[in-house]
């Protein structure tokens, strides 16, 4: 194995590791978003957990971020929760940064 081959393998391993961390961070962020959304909607206990799981599942679909944003916006609007779409987006961004920091620390 040449030095170039070793470098390529190291690069690929690093890329795989970063993508795995990103996937886990997104799942973590989505669960936190779901829990936050449930709290905003007054859902507790099993209903709150079910709502959080719904948000996590949306995140696994194609265009998951857009689907989560649309769901939270619609649910908040339907239930009189005063959170703008921009505020929801900011919360998503903040929670993603927090989740990435958590994943890198562990």
PDB file of N, CA and C in Angstrom:
ATOM      1  N   UNK A   1       0.853  -1.164   0.000  1.00  0.00           N
ATOM      2  CA  UNK A   1       0.000   0.000   0.000  1.00  0.00           C
ATOM      3  C   UNK A   1       0.905   1.235   0.000  1.00  0.00           C
ATOM      4  N   UNK A   2       0.599   2.155  -0.879  1.00  0.00           N
ATOM      5  CA  UNK A   2       1.409   3.355  -1.005  1.00  0.00           C
ATOM      6  C   UNK A   2       0.950   4.419  -0.007  1.00  0.00           C
ATOM      7  N   UNK A   3       1.742   5.441   0.118  1.00  0.00           N
ATOM      8  CA  UNK A   3       1.384   6.558   0.996  1.00  0.00           C
ATOM      9  C   UNK A   3       0.100   7.213   0.504  1.00  0.00           C
ATOM     10  N   UNK A   4      -0.051   7.340  -0.809  1.00  0.00           N
ATOM     11  CA  UNK A   4      -1.270   7.921  -1.373  1.00  0.00           C
ATOM     12  C   UNK A   4      -2.497   7.072  -1.037  1.00  0.00           C
ATOM     13  N   UNK A   5      -2.336   5.753  -1.088  1.00  0.00           N
ATOM     14  CA  UNK A   5      -3.445   4.867  -0.728  1.00  0.00           C
ATOM     15  C   UNK A   5      -3.826   5.053   0.736  1.00  0.00           C
ATOM     16  N   UNK A   6      -2.831   5.168   1.590  1.00  0.00           N
ATOM     17  CA  UNK A   6      -3.092   5.363   3.022  1.00  0.00           C
ATOM     18  C   UNK A   6      -3.781   6.701   3.274  1.00  0.00           C
ATOM     19  N   UNK A   7      -3.338   7.728   2.563  1.00  0.00           N
ATOM     20  CA  UNK A   7      -3.969   9.038   2.712  1.00  0.00           C
ATOM     21  C   UNK A   7      -5.425   8.995   2.260  1.00  0.00           C
ATOM     22  N   UNK A   8      -5.660   8.317   1.147  1.00  0.00           N
ATOM     23  CA  UNK A   8      -7.028   8.205   0.637  1.00  0.00           C
ATOM     24  C   UNK A   8      -7.913   7.452   1.622  1.00  0.00           C
ATOM     25  N   UNK A   9      -7.402   6.374   2.201  1.00  0.00           N
ATOM     26  CA  UNK A   9      -8.173   5.620   3.188  1.00  0.00           C
ATOM     27  C   UNK A   9      -8.459   6.469   4.426  1.00  0.00           C
ATOM     28  N   UNK A  10      -7.461   7.217   4.858  1.00  0.00           N
ATOM     29  CA  UNK A  10      -7.651   8.079   6.025  1.00  0.00           C
ATOM     30  C   UNK A  10      -8.693   9.158   5.736  1.00  0.00           C
ATOM     31  N   UNK A  11      -8.643   9.725   4.559  1.00  0.00           N
ATOM     32  CA  UNK A  11      -9.619  10.735   4.163  1.00  0.00           C
ATOM     33  C   UNK A  11     -11.020  10.136   4.145  1.00  0.00           C
ATOM     34  N   UNK A  12     -11.166   8.964   3.538  1.00  0.00           N
ATOM     35  CA  UNK A  12     -12.468   8.310   3.462  1.00  0.00           C
ATOM     36  C   UNK A  12     -12.996   7.962   4.848  1.00  0.00           C
ATOM     37  N   UNK A  13     -12.119   7.476   5.720  1.00  0.00           N
ATOM     38  CA  UNK A  13     -12.528   7.138   7.082  1.00  0.00           C
ATOM     39  C   UNK A  13     -12.981   8.394   7.827  1.00  0.00           C
ATOM     40  N   UNK A  14     -12.260   9.482   7.642  1.00  0.00           N
ATOM     41  CA  UNK A  14     -12.639  10.740   8.274  1.00  0.00           C
ATOM     42  C   UNK A  14     -13.976  11.240   7.774  1.00  0.00           C
ATOM     43  N   UNK A  15     -14.205  11.121   6.473  1.00  0.00           N
ATOM     44  CA  UNK A  15     -15.472  11.543   5.879  1.00  0.00           C
ATOM     45  C   UNK A  15     -16.623  10.714   6.436  1.00  0.00           C
ATOM     46  N   UNK A  16     -16.443   9.406   6.497  1.00  0.00           N
ATOM     47  CA  UNK A  16     -17.486   8.519   7.028  1.00  0.00           C
ATOM     48  C   UNK A  16     -17.789   8.886   8.474  1.00  0.00           C
ATOM     49  N   UNK A  17     -16.755   9.132   9.251  1.00  0.00           N
ATOM     50  CA  UNK A  17     -16.940   9.486  10.659  1.00  0.00           C
ATOM     51  C   UNK A  17     -17.720  10.801  10.787  1.00  0.00           C
ATOM     52  N   UNK A  18     -17.363  11.809  10.011  1.00  0.00           N
ATOM     53  CA  UNK A  18     -18.056  13.102  10.055  1.00  0.00           C
ATOM     54  C   UNK A  18     -19.526  12.960   9.657  1.00  0.00           C
ATOM     55  N   UNK A  19     -19.793  12.157   8.634  1.00  0.00           N
ATOM     56  CA  UNK A  19     -21.183  11.951   8.208  1.00  0.00           C
ATOM     57  C   UNK A  19     -21.985  11.220   9.281  1.00  0.00           C
ATOM     58  N   UNK A  20     -21.362  10.274   9.949  1.00  0.00           N
ATOM     59  CA  UNK A  20     -22.031   9.558  11.034  1.00  0.00           C
ATOM     60  C   UNK A  20     -22.355  10.515  12.183  1.00  0.00           C
ATOM     61  N   UNK A  21     -21.397  11.370  12.537  1.00  0.00           N
ATOM     62  CA  UNK A  21     -21.641  12.364  13.580  1.00  0.00           C
ATOM     63  C   UNK A  21     -22.768  13.308  13.186  1.00  0.00           C
ATOM     64  N   UNK A  22     -22.761  13.724  11.927  1.00  0.00           N
ATOM     65  CA  UNK A  22     -23.802  14.637  11.438  1.00  0.00           C
ATOM     66  C   UNK A  22     -25.175  13.975  11.503  1.00  0.00           C
ATOM     67  N   UNK A  23     -25.273  12.722  11.094  1.00  0.00           N
ATOM     68  CA  UNK A  23     -26.547  12.003  11.147  1.00  0.00           C
ATOM     69  C   UNK A  23     -27.055  11.916  12.586  1.00  0.00           C
ATOM     70  N   UNK A  24     -26.162  11.562  13.497  1.00  0.00           N
ATOM     71  CA  UNK A  24     -26.553  11.452  14.905  1.00  0.00           C
ATOM     72  C   UNK A  24     -26.948  12.811  15.471  1.00  0.00           C
ATOM     73  N   UNK A  25     -26.233  13.852  15.072  1.00  0.00           N
ATOM     74  CA  UNK A  25     -26.560  15.194  15.547  1.00  0.00           C
ATOM     75  C   UNK A  25     -27.926  15.630  15.025  1.00  0.00           C
ATOM     76  N   UNK A  26     -28.227  15.316  13.783  1.00  0.00           N
ATOM     77  CA  UNK A  26     -29.535  15.666  13.218  1.00  0.00           C
ATOM     78  C   UNK A  26     -30.644  14.929  13.969  1.00  0.00           C
ATOM     79  N   UNK A  27     -30.438  13.650  14.242  1.00  0.00           N
ATOM     80  CA  UNK A  27     -31.443  12.879  14.983  1.00  0.00           C
ATOM     81  C   UNK A  27     -31.632  13.466  16.381  1.00  0.00           C
ATOM     82  N   UNK A  28     -30.542  13.830  17.018  1.00  0.00           N
ATOM     83  CA  UNK A  28     -30.603  14.436  18.348  1.00  0.00           C
ATOM     84  C   UNK A  28     -31.351  15.775  18.280  1.00  0.00           C
ATOM     85  N   UNK A  29     -30.991  16.596  17.304  1.00  0.00           N
ATOM     86  CA  UNK A  29     -31.655  17.891  17.129  1.00  0.00           C
ATOM     87  C   UNK A  29     -33.146  17.707  16.891  1.00  0.00           C
ATOM     88  N   UNK A  30     -33.505  16.753  16.042  1.00  0.00           N
ATOM     89  CA  UNK A  30     -34.913  16.540  15.722  1.00  0.00           C
ATOM     90  C   UNK A  30     -35.706  16.090  16.947  1.00  0.00           C
ATOM     91  N   UNK A  31     -35.087  15.268  17.782  1.00  0.00           N
ATOM     92  CA  UNK A  31     -35.779  14.844  19.007  1.00  0.00           C
ATOM     93  C   UNK A  31     -35.973  16.037  19.942  1.00  0.00           C
ATOM     94  N   UNK A  32     -34.950  16.862  20.063  1.00  0.00           N
ATOM     95  CA  UNK A  32     -35.080  18.064  20.894  1.00  0.00           C
ATOM     96  C   UNK A  32     -36.140  19.010  20.324  1.00  0.00           C
ATOM     97  N   UNK A  33     -36.178  19.142  19.002  1.00  0.00           N
ATOM     98  CA  UNK A  33     -37.202  19.974  18.361  1.00  0.00           C
ATOM     99  C   UNK A  33     -38.600  19.436  18.636  1.00  0.00           C
ATOM    100  N   UNK A  34     -38.738  18.127  18.538  1.00  0.00           N
ATOM    101  CA  UNK A  34     -40.030  17.511  18.803  1.00  0.00           C
ATOM    102  C   UNK A  34     -40.469  17.710  20.239  1.00  0.00           C
ATOM    103  N   UNK A  35     -39.521  17.589  21.167  1.00  0.00           N
ATOM    104  CA  UNK A  35     -39.827  17.797  22.580  1.00  0.00           C
ATOM    105  C   UNK A  35     -40.201  19.257  22.833  1.00  0.00           C
ATOM    106  N   UNK A  36     -39.440  20.161  22.223  1.00  0.00           N
ATOM    107  CA  UNK A  36     -39.738  21.594  22.335  1.00  0.00           C
ATOM    108  C   UNK A  36     -41.115  21.902  21.744  1.00  0.00           C
ATOM    109  N   UNK A  37     -41.380  21.352  20.549  1.00  0.00           N
ATOM    110  CA  UNK A  37     -42.676  21.564  19.918  1.00  0.00           C
ATOM    111  C   UNK A  37     -43.811  21.049  20.783  1.00  0.00           C
ATOM    112  N   UNK A  38     -43.614  19.875  21.369  1.00  0.00           N
ATOM    113  CA  UNK A  38     -44.636  19.310  22.249  1.00  0.00           C
ATOM    114  C   UNK A  38     -44.889  20.232  23.442  1.00  0.00           C
ATOM    115  N   UNK A  39     -43.819  20.770  24.013  1.00  0.00           N
ATOM    116  CA  UNK A  39     -43.977  21.692  25.143  1.00  0.00           C
ATOM    117  C   UNK A  39     -44.739  22.940  24.728  1.00  0.00           C
ATOM    118  N   UNK A  40     -44.414  23.478  23.550  1.00  0.00           N
ATOM    119  CA  UNK A  40     -45.112  24.672  23.059  1.00  0.00           C
ATOM    120  C   UNK A  40     -46.598  24.396  22.860  1.00  0.00           C
ATOM    121  N   UNK A  41     -46.924  23.161  22.504  1.00  0.00           N
ATOM    122  CA  UNK A  41     -48.311  22.779  22.244  1.00  0.00           C
ATOM    123  C   UNK A  41     -49.030  22.269  23.495  1.00  0.00           C
ATOM    124  N   UNK A  42     -48.299  22.201  24.618  1.00  0.00           N
ATOM    125  CA  UNK A  42     -48.903  21.730  25.863  1.00  0.00           C
ATOM    126  C   UNK A  42     -49.059  20.226  25.939  1.00  0.00           C
ATOM    127  N   UNK A  43     -48.315  19.506  25.104  1.00  0.00           N
ATOM    128  CA  UNK A  43     -48.385  18.041  25.117  1.00  0.00           C
ATOM    129  C   UNK A  43     -47.377  17.511  26.126  1.00  0.00           C
ATOM    130  N   UNK A  44     -47.825  16.621  26.992  1.00  0.00           N
ATOM    131  CA  UNK A  44     -46.944  16.036  27.996  1.00  0.00           C
ATOM    132  C   UNK A  44     -47.085  14.522  27.981  1.00  0.00           C
ATOM    133  N   UNK A  45     -46.226  13.865  28.717  1.00  0.00           N
ATOM    134  CA  UNK A  45     -46.311  12.416  28.855  1.00  0.00           C
ATOM    135  C   UNK A  45     -46.209  11.703  27.521  1.00  0.00           C
ATOM    136  N   UNK A  46     -47.064  10.707  27.348  1.00  0.00           N
ATOM    137  CA  UNK A  46     -47.040   9.903  26.128  1.00  0.00           C
ATOM    138  C   UNK A  46     -47.359  10.735  24.883  1.00  0.00           C
ATOM    139  N   UNK A  47     -48.251  11.688  25.017  1.00  0.00           N
ATOM    140  CA  UNK A  47     -48.600  12.539  23.871  1.00  0.00           C
ATOM    141  C   UNK A  47     -47.397  13.377  23.451  1.00  0.00           C
ATOM    142  N   UNK A  48     -46.649  13.879  24.406  1.00  0.00           N
ATOM    143  CA  UNK A  48     -45.448  14.650  24.105  1.00  0.00           C
ATOM    144  C   UNK A  48     -44.384  13.800  23.458  1.00  0.00           C
ATOM    145  N   UNK A  49     -44.189  12.595  23.973  1.00  0.00           N
ATOM    146  CA  UNK A  49     -43.204  11.674  23.402  1.00  0.00           C
ATOM    147  C   UNK A  49     -43.612  11.264  21.987  1.00  0.00           C
ATOM    148  N   UNK A  50     -44.876  11.013  21.777  1.00  0.00           N
ATOM    149  CA  UNK A  50     -45.359  10.637  20.445  1.00  0.00           C
ATOM    150  C   UNK A  50     -45.139  11.777  19.455  1.00  0.00           C
ATOM    151  N   UNK A  51     -45.369  13.006  19.906  1.00  0.00           N
ATOM    152  CA  UNK A  51     -45.145  14.156  19.024  1.00  0.00           C
ATOM    153  C   UNK A  51     -43.669  14.266  18.664  1.00  0.00           C
ATOM    154  N   UNK A  52     -42.795  14.120  19.650  1.00  0.00           N
ATOM    155  CA  UNK A  52     -41.350  14.175  19.396  1.00  0.00           C
ATOM    156  C   UNK A  52     -40.942  13.096  18.396  1.00  0.00           C
ATOM    157  N   UNK A  53     -41.486  11.901  18.543  1.00  0.00           N
ATOM    158  CA  UNK A  53     -41.170  10.807  17.619  1.00  0.00           C
ATOM    159  C   UNK A  53     -41.659  11.106  16.207  1.00  0.00           C
ATOM    160  N   UNK A  54     -42.786  11.790  16.102  1.00  0.00           N
ATOM    161  CA  UNK A  54     -43.302  12.189  14.790  1.00  0.00           C
ATOM    162  C   UNK A  54     -42.326  13.137  14.107  1.00  0.00           C
ATOM    163  N   UNK A  55     -41.795  14.092  14.860  1.00  0.00           N
ATOM    164  CA  UNK A  55     -40.841  15.052  14.311  1.00  0.00           C
ATOM    165  C   UNK A  55     -39.562  14.336  13.889  1.00  0.00           C
ATOM    166  N   UNK A  56     -39.083  13.401  14.709  1.00  0.00           N
ATOM    167  CA  UNK A  56     -37.888  12.622  14.354  1.00  0.00           C
ATOM    168  C   UNK A  56     -38.132  11.862  13.055  1.00  0.00           C
ATOM    169  N   UNK A  57     -39.291  11.238  12.915  1.00  0.00           N
ATOM    170  CA  UNK A  57     -39.613  10.468  11.705  1.00  0.00           C
ATOM    171  C   UNK A  57     -39.654  11.378  10.476  1.00  0.00           C
ATOM    172  N   UNK A  58     -40.202  12.576  10.612  1.00  0.00           N
ATOM    173  CA  UNK A  58     -40.222  13.514   9.488  1.00  0.00           C
ATOM    174  C   UNK A  58     -38.803  13.848   9.044  1.00  0.00           C
ATOM    175  N   UNK A  59     -37.900  13.946   9.998  1.00  0.00           N
ATOM    176  CA  UNK A  59     -36.510  14.272   9.692  1.00  0.00           C
ATOM    177  C   UNK A  59     -35.803  13.205   8.887  1.00  0.00           C
ATOM    178  N   UNK A  60     -36.314  11.992   8.908  1.00  0.00           N
ATOM    179  CA  UNK A  60     -35.706  10.891   8.156  1.00  0.00           C
ATOM    180  C   UNK A  60     -36.174  10.850   6.705  1.00  0.00           C
ATOM    181  N   UNK A  61     -37.214  11.606   6.397  1.00  0.00           N
ATOM    182  CA  UNK A  61     -37.748  11.630   5.039  1.00  0.00           C
ATOM    183  C   UNK A  61     -36.917  12.574   4.164  1.00  0.00           C
ATOM    184  N   UNK A  62     -37.094  12.416   2.862  1.00  0.00           N
ATOM    185  CA  UNK A  62     -36.459  13.352   1.932  1.00  0.00           C
ATOM    186  C   UNK A  62     -36.953  14.755   2.250  1.00  0.00           C
ATOM    187  N   UNK A  63     -36.074  15.723   2.226  1.00  0.00           N
ATOM    188  CA  UNK A  63     -36.388  17.114   2.545  1.00  0.00           C
ATOM    189  C   UNK A  63     -36.958  17.235   3.953  1.00  0.00           C
ATOM    190  N   UNK A  64     -36.344  16.485   4.870  1.00  0.00           N
ATOM    191  CA  UNK A  64     -36.826  16.409   6.245  1.00  0.00           C
ATOM    192  C   UNK A  64     -36.899  17.747   6.966  1.00  0.00           C
ATOM    193  N   UNK A  65     -35.889  18.596   6.791  1.00  0.00           N
ATOM    194  CA  UNK A  65     -35.907  19.890   7.475  1.00  0.00           C
ATOM    195  C   UNK A  65     -37.120  20.707   7.079  1.00  0.00           C
ATOM    196  N   UNK A  66     -37.427  20.733   5.797  1.00  0.00           N
ATOM    197  CA  UNK A  66     -38.586  21.492   5.314  1.00  0.00           C
ATOM    198  C   UNK A  66     -39.880  20.895   5.872  1.00  0.00           C
ATOM    199  N   UNK A  67     -39.950  19.578   5.952  1.00  0.00           N
ATOM    200  CA  UNK A  67     -41.154  18.932   6.480  1.00  0.00           C
ATOM    201  C   UNK A  67     -41.325  19.207   7.968  1.00  0.00           C
ATOM    202  N   UNK A  68     -40.221  19.207   8.703  1.00  0.00           N
ATOM    203  CA  UNK A  68     -40.296  19.526  10.134  1.00  0.00           C
ATOM    204  C   UNK A  68     -40.754  20.965  10.322  1.00  0.00           C
ATOM    205  N   UNK A  69     -40.156  21.871   9.578  1.00  0.00           N
ATOM    206  CA  UNK A  69     -40.523  23.278   9.676  1.00  0.00           C
ATOM    207  C   UNK A  69     -42.006  23.480   9.347  1.00  0.00           C
ATOM    208  N   UNK A  70     -42.461  22.846   8.285  1.00  0.00           N
ATOM    209  CA  UNK A  70     -43.868  22.972   7.891  1.00  0.00           C
ATOM    210  C   UNK A  70     -44.792  22.406   8.965  1.00  0.00           C
ATOM    211  N   UNK A  71     -44.430  21.264   9.526  1.00  0.00           N
ATOM    212  CA  UNK A  71     -45.272  20.627  10.548  1.00  0.00           C
ATOM    213  C   UNK A  71     -45.347  21.486  11.808  1.00  0.00           C
ATOM    214  N   UNK A  72     -44.195  21.939  12.281  1.00  0.00           N
ATOM    215  CA  UNK A  72     -44.194  22.775  13.484  1.00  0.00           C
ATOM    216  C   UNK A  72     -44.975  24.062  13.245  1.00  0.00           C
ATOM    217  N   UNK A  73     -44.744  24.691  12.102  1.00  0.00           N
ATOM    218  CA  UNK A  73     -45.460  25.934  11.779  1.00  0.00           C
ATOM    219  C   UNK A  73     -46.966  25.707  11.747  1.00  0.00           C
ATOM    220  N   UNK A  74     -47.394  24.662  11.068  1.00  0.00           N
ATOM    221  CA  UNK A  74     -48.826  24.367  10.959  1.00  0.00           C
ATOM    222  C   UNK A  74     -49.430  24.041  12.325  1.00  0.00           C
ATOM    223  N   UNK A  75     -48.740  23.225  13.096  1.00  0.00           N
ATOM    224  CA  UNK A  75     -49.263  22.854  14.416  1.00  0.00           C
ATOM    225  C   UNK A  75     -49.325  24.060  15.350  1.00  0.00           C
ATOM    226  N   UNK A  76     -48.293  24.901  15.302  1.00  0.00           N
ATOM    227  CA  UNK A  76     -48.294  26.099  16.143  1.00  0.00           C
ATOM    228  C   UNK A  76     -49.425  27.035  15.724  1.00  0.00           C
ATOM    229  N   UNK A  77     -49.570  27.255  14.420  1.00  0.00           N
ATOM    230  CA  UNK A  77     -50.641  28.130  13.926  1.00  0.00           C
ATOM    231  C   UNK A  77     -52.011  27.592  14.330  1.00  0.00           C
ATOM    232  N   UNK A  78     -52.208  26.298  14.175  1.00  0.00           N
ATOM    233  CA  UNK A  78     -53.502  25.684  14.468  1.00  0.00           C
ATOM    234  C   UNK A  78     -53.842  25.737  15.964  1.00  0.00           C
ATOM    235  N   UNK A  79     -52.801  25.858  16.792  1.00  0.00           N
ATOM    236  CA  UNK A  79     -53.031  25.836  18.239  1.00  0.00           C
ATOM    237  C   UNK A  79     -52.743  27.179  18.912  1.00  0.00           C
ATOM    238  N   UNK A  80     -52.596  28.225  18.120  1.00  0.00           N
ATOM    239  CA  UNK A  80     -52.421  29.558  18.667  1.00  0.00           C
ATOM    240  C   UNK A  80     -51.088  29.807  19.355  1.00  0.00           C
ATOM    241  N   UNK A  81     -50.067  29.033  18.987  1.00  0.00           N
ATOM    242  CA  UNK A  81     -48.736  29.243  19.554  1.00  0.00           C
ATOM    243  C   UNK A  81     -48.056  30.351  18.755  1.00  0.00           C
ATOM    244  N   UNK A  82     -47.620  31.381  19.443  1.00  0.00           N
ATOM    245  CA  UNK A  82     -47.053  32.557  18.793  1.00  0.00           C
ATOM    246  C   UNK A  82     -45.554  32.365  18.534  1.00  0.00           C
ATOM    247  N   UNK A  83     -45.237  31.596  17.504  1.00  0.00           N
ATOM    248  CA  UNK A  83     -43.856  31.381  17.071  1.00  0.00           C
ATOM    249  C   UNK A  83     -43.828  31.518  15.554  1.00  0.00           C
ATOM    250  N   UNK A  84     -43.057  32.468  15.074  1.00  0.00           N
ATOM    251  CA  UNK A  84     -42.964  32.671  13.628  1.00  0.00           C
ATOM    252  C   UNK A  84     -42.123  31.574  12.993  1.00  0.00           C
ATOM    253  N   UNK A  85     -42.270  31.459  11.692  1.00  0.00           N
ATOM    254  CA  UNK A  85     -41.462  30.480  10.968  1.00  0.00           C
ATOM    255  C   UNK A  85     -39.983  30.793  11.149  1.00  0.00           C
ATOM    256  N   UNK A  86     -39.623  32.058  11.159  1.00  0.00           N
ATOM    257  CA  UNK A  86     -38.228  32.459  11.352  1.00  0.00           C
ATOM    258  C   UNK A  86     -37.728  32.040  12.734  1.00  0.00           C
ATOM    259  N   UNK A  87     -38.573  32.155  13.748  1.00  0.00           N
ATOM    260  CA  UNK A  87     -38.188  31.745  15.107  1.00  0.00           C
ATOM    261  C   UNK A  87     -37.986  30.236  15.173  1.00  0.00           C
ATOM    262  N   UNK A  88     -38.835  29.502  14.485  1.00  0.00           N
ATOM    263  CA  UNK A  88     -38.685  28.044  14.440  1.00  0.00           C
ATOM    264  C   UNK A  88     -37.375  27.688  13.738  1.00  0.00           C
ATOM    265  N   UNK A  89     -37.095  28.349  12.615  1.00  0.00           N
ATOM    266  CA  UNK A  89     -35.830  28.103  11.896  1.00  0.00           C
ATOM    267  C   UNK A  89     -34.629  28.403  12.786  1.00  0.00           C
ATOM    268  N   UNK A  90     -34.702  29.509  13.538  1.00  0.00           N
ATOM    269  CA  UNK A  90     -33.604  29.868  14.434  1.00  0.00           C
ATOM    270  C   UNK A  90     -33.433  28.814  15.522  1.00  0.00           C
ATOM    271  N   UNK A  91     -34.537  28.319  16.052  1.00  0.00           N
ATOM    272  CA  UNK A  91     -34.480  27.269  17.062  1.00  0.00           C
ATOM    273  C   UNK A  91     -33.856  26.004  16.474  1.00  0.00           C
ATOM    274  N   UNK A  92     -34.222  25.666  15.246  1.00  0.00           N
ATOM    275  CA  UNK A  92     -33.631  24.504  14.571  1.00  0.00           C
ATOM    276  C   UNK A  92     -32.117  24.682  14.440  1.00  0.00           C
ATOM    277  N   UNK A  93     -31.698  25.867  14.011  1.00  0.00           N
ATOM    278  CA  UNK A  93     -30.268  26.138  13.855  1.00  0.00           C
ATOM    279  C   UNK A  93     -29.531  26.063  15.191  1.00  0.00           C
ATOM    280  N   UNK A  94     -30.110  26.657  16.222  1.00  0.00           N
ATOM    281  CA  UNK A  94     -29.487  26.646  17.546  1.00  0.00           C
ATOM    282  C   UNK A  94     -29.358  25.226  18.083  1.00  0.00           C
ATOM    283  N   UNK A  95     -30.419  24.448  17.920  1.00  0.00           N
ATOM    284  CA  UNK A  95     -30.396  23.076  18.411  1.00  0.00           C
ATOM    285  C   UNK A  95     -29.421  22.212  17.616  1.00  0.00           C
ATOM    286  N   UNK A  96     -29.263  22.496  16.324  1.00  0.00           N
ATOM    287  CA  UNK A  96     -28.295  21.758  15.514  1.00  0.00           C
ATOM    288  C   UNK A  96     -26.878  22.057  15.979  1.00  0.00           C
ATOM    289  N   UNK A  97     -26.585  23.320  16.224  1.00  0.00           N
ATOM    290  CA  UNK A  97     -25.250  23.692  16.709  1.00  0.00           C
ATOM    291  C   UNK A  97     -24.966  23.033  18.051  1.00  0.00           C
ATOM    292  N   UNK A  98     -25.957  23.016  18.923  1.00  0.00           N
ATOM    293  CA  UNK A  98     -25.807  22.370  20.228  1.00  0.00           C
ATOM    294  C   UNK A  98     -25.578  20.865  20.074  1.00  0.00           C
ATOM    295  N   UNK A  99     -26.332  20.239  19.182  1.00  0.00           N
ATOM    296  CA  UNK A  99     -26.192  18.798  18.965  1.00  0.00           C
ATOM    297  C   UNK A  99     -24.826  18.457  18.370  1.00  0.00           C
ATOM    298  N   UNK A 100     -24.354  19.270  17.430  1.00  0.00           N
ATOM    299  CA  UNK A 100     -23.025  19.023  16.839  1.00  0.00           C
ATOM    300  C   UNK A 100     -21.939  19.158  17.898  1.00  0.00           C
ATOM    301  N   UNK A 101     -22.044  20.166  18.746  1.00  0.00           N
ATOM    302  CA  UNK A 101     -21.069  20.338  19.816  1.00  0.00           C
ATOM    303  C   UNK A 101     -21.094  19.147  20.764  1.00  0.00           C
ATOM    304  N   UNK A 102     -22.286  18.667  21.081  1.00  0.00           N
ATOM    305  CA  UNK A 102     -22.417  17.503  21.955  1.00  0.00           C
ATOM    306  C   UNK A 102     -21.763  16.264  21.331  1.00  0.00           C
ATOM    307  N   UNK A 103     -22.006  16.053  20.044  1.00  0.00           N
ATOM    308  CA  UNK A 103     -21.461  14.870  19.364  1.00  0.00           C
ATOM    309  C   UNK A 103     -19.919  14.940  19.325  1.00  0.00           C
ATOM    310  N   UNK A 104     -19.385  16.106  19.114  1.00  0.00           N
ATOM    311  CA  UNK A 104     -17.924  16.247  19.036  1.00  0.00           C
ATOM    312  C   UNK A 104     -17.270  16.088  20.396  1.00  0.00           C
ATOM    313  N   UNK A 105     -18.013  16.436  21.457  1.00  0.00           N
ATOM    314  CA  UNK A 105     -17.479  16.298  22.811  1.00  0.00           C
ATOM    315  C   UNK A 105     -17.533  14.864  23.312  1.00  0.00           C
ATOM    316  N   UNK A 106     -18.347  14.030  22.678  1.00  0.00           N
ATOM    317  CA  UNK A 106     -18.514  12.645  23.159  1.00  0.00           C
ATOM    318  C   UNK A 106     -18.044  11.649  22.180  1.00  0.00           C
TER     319      UNK A 106
END
